[in-house]
Amino acid sequence: MIHDRYQAEVNVNYSLMESESLRHEYEIETYIFAPKSLGVNRHTCSKSNFYKSIQNFIRLKASSVLLEDLTGFGRDYLGQIKSAIIKYEEDDREVNFTQLSQNLKLFCCSFESSLRKRRRKVIKNLPNNKFAPEAREYLAQSTTMVQNFREMRKLLIKRIKGRKLFNLIDEYLSYIVYTNAFKLLSVLKNKKNLQNNDLEVLRGEVLRIIQGEFSYGKASQFLLPSNEGTNEEYVYRNKVILKKPIWGILHLDIDKRDEGGFREHIILSLAAGISMVVATLLAFYFQKRFGNFTFPFFVALVLGYMAKDRIKEALRIILTDKILSKTVDKNTKIFSHSGSKIGHLTETFSFQSKSELPKEVFEMREKNRDEDIHRDNSYDENVLVYKKKVKLNPKKFRQSYDKLHAEGIKDLIRFNITPFLYRMDNPIHYAHGLTEDGEEMERIKCHRVYHINFVLKFSDRVKESLDRYRIVLNRKGILNIEREV
């Protein structure tokens, strides 16, 4: 789980490449435990409001094996790009340019994913003696891949449009290389306790790669970060102009439909009809007993109207809880880039009491919990439950995407915590204490924070897992996310 100031993001990877079954299903259940003092309950947070705070992103999981074998996957990637360039140079029809664009973007995504995976592997092995050979292999493979890619620019001779696209991809590749190198360098510099000659040499090698990419960027007129100014253009170009269109090639098309609207209208009509029947029967009874145009009959009509209104509202609540809570709220179809339907997902949202929760979820929430010694933990929080069930067709998926370009599905859920902030107290409080000598009183600044717990349950036909996260936040937004073990 990652976060920025107002949003938390859950990332689930699901592989389909090794599956031979005709259908694969998995379910993600998110249990949100919010303190009652925040006022987020079934009366203040409707389904429509909750779904405004939820964003779903479903995209392909880029292959991360690109750097594992340059004579294997690497050659295949570059070979496909070379073939696409030659075909485009011979015939500049839009279909050929589209194919070239897709190959370049997929290569870029896989290269970034592979680079990130290998860098983390190197960092993980830093305490071991194997880190230096692995780090050098990582650096050699990444620079070799980029050099081989740049060699293909000379194939684009006649087509200016294709050359411009190639240069944009090259600019982003350069950004990927030196960004990952900077991250590795910062970790190497912080390892003061590793007094190793290889470590010092490795730092120099990483620095030379960064210097080389900066020199290349200046010669190619790429936008680079500067010590002067806000660098907003640099961030905007790399994060919006370049990254979004490149990684957008992996995002799948979805068709989302609200499934609860029609059923809700039926329930409201049913509640109104039943309440009207009750009111009409009361009116007939008192009319027969007291006659028309009498004061008792007038009082009975007024009471019947009052009862009708209350019965209607009570039935609406009861039927909504009993019926809509058992059905899905939204149904989304998932399509490949070729337009073939490869799956669909359903979503439901509801409030539950802790007594209704699955035993394992309740135990995960209460695990290692001792901050509320004098409080009944069963009633101190409101529980929001968001369930998402995804069904995928591996056969159709493999027909659309081979192992070279995609390993499976990356399912991202982004949750906006703004609705939880409205009733929060001031983020700063002051307490009184004593100075170090104990002779004077002093005013001490204290930070007021709240905790919202997330329990995530993932399940498919093979396995089931539970994770718990604690979001630390105040009125200004998220301060930290801690994984509870």
Foldseek 3Di string as FASTA:
>chain_A
DDDDFFKDKDKDFDFLAPDDDQKWKKKKKKKWWFFCLLVDDCVPAPPVNQVVQKDKFKFFAFAQCCLVDCVPLVCVLLVQLLVLLLVCQVPVDPVSLVSNLLSLLLVLNNLLNNLVVLLVVLLVCVVPPCNLVSLVSSLVSLVVSLVSLVVSLVSNDPDPVSNVSSLLSNLLSLVSLLVSLVVSLVSLVPPPVPPDPSSVVSNVVSVVSNVVSVVVCVVSVHDDDDPDDDCPVVCCCNVPVRPCVSRVLGTWDKDKDFPCPVVLVVQLVVLLVVLVVQLVVQLVVVCVVPNPPDPVSVVSNVVSVVSSVVSSVVSSVVCCVVPVQVDFGMKMWTAHPVGHTFWIKTKHKDKDFLVPDPPVQSCVVCPPDDPPVPDDVRPRTIMIMMMMMIMGGSVVVCVRDPSSRGRGMMMMMMGGCLSSQPSFDDQKDWDWDADPVRPDIDIDIDGDKDKMKMWMWMDIPPDIDIWMKIFIGHNSGTDDIDTDD
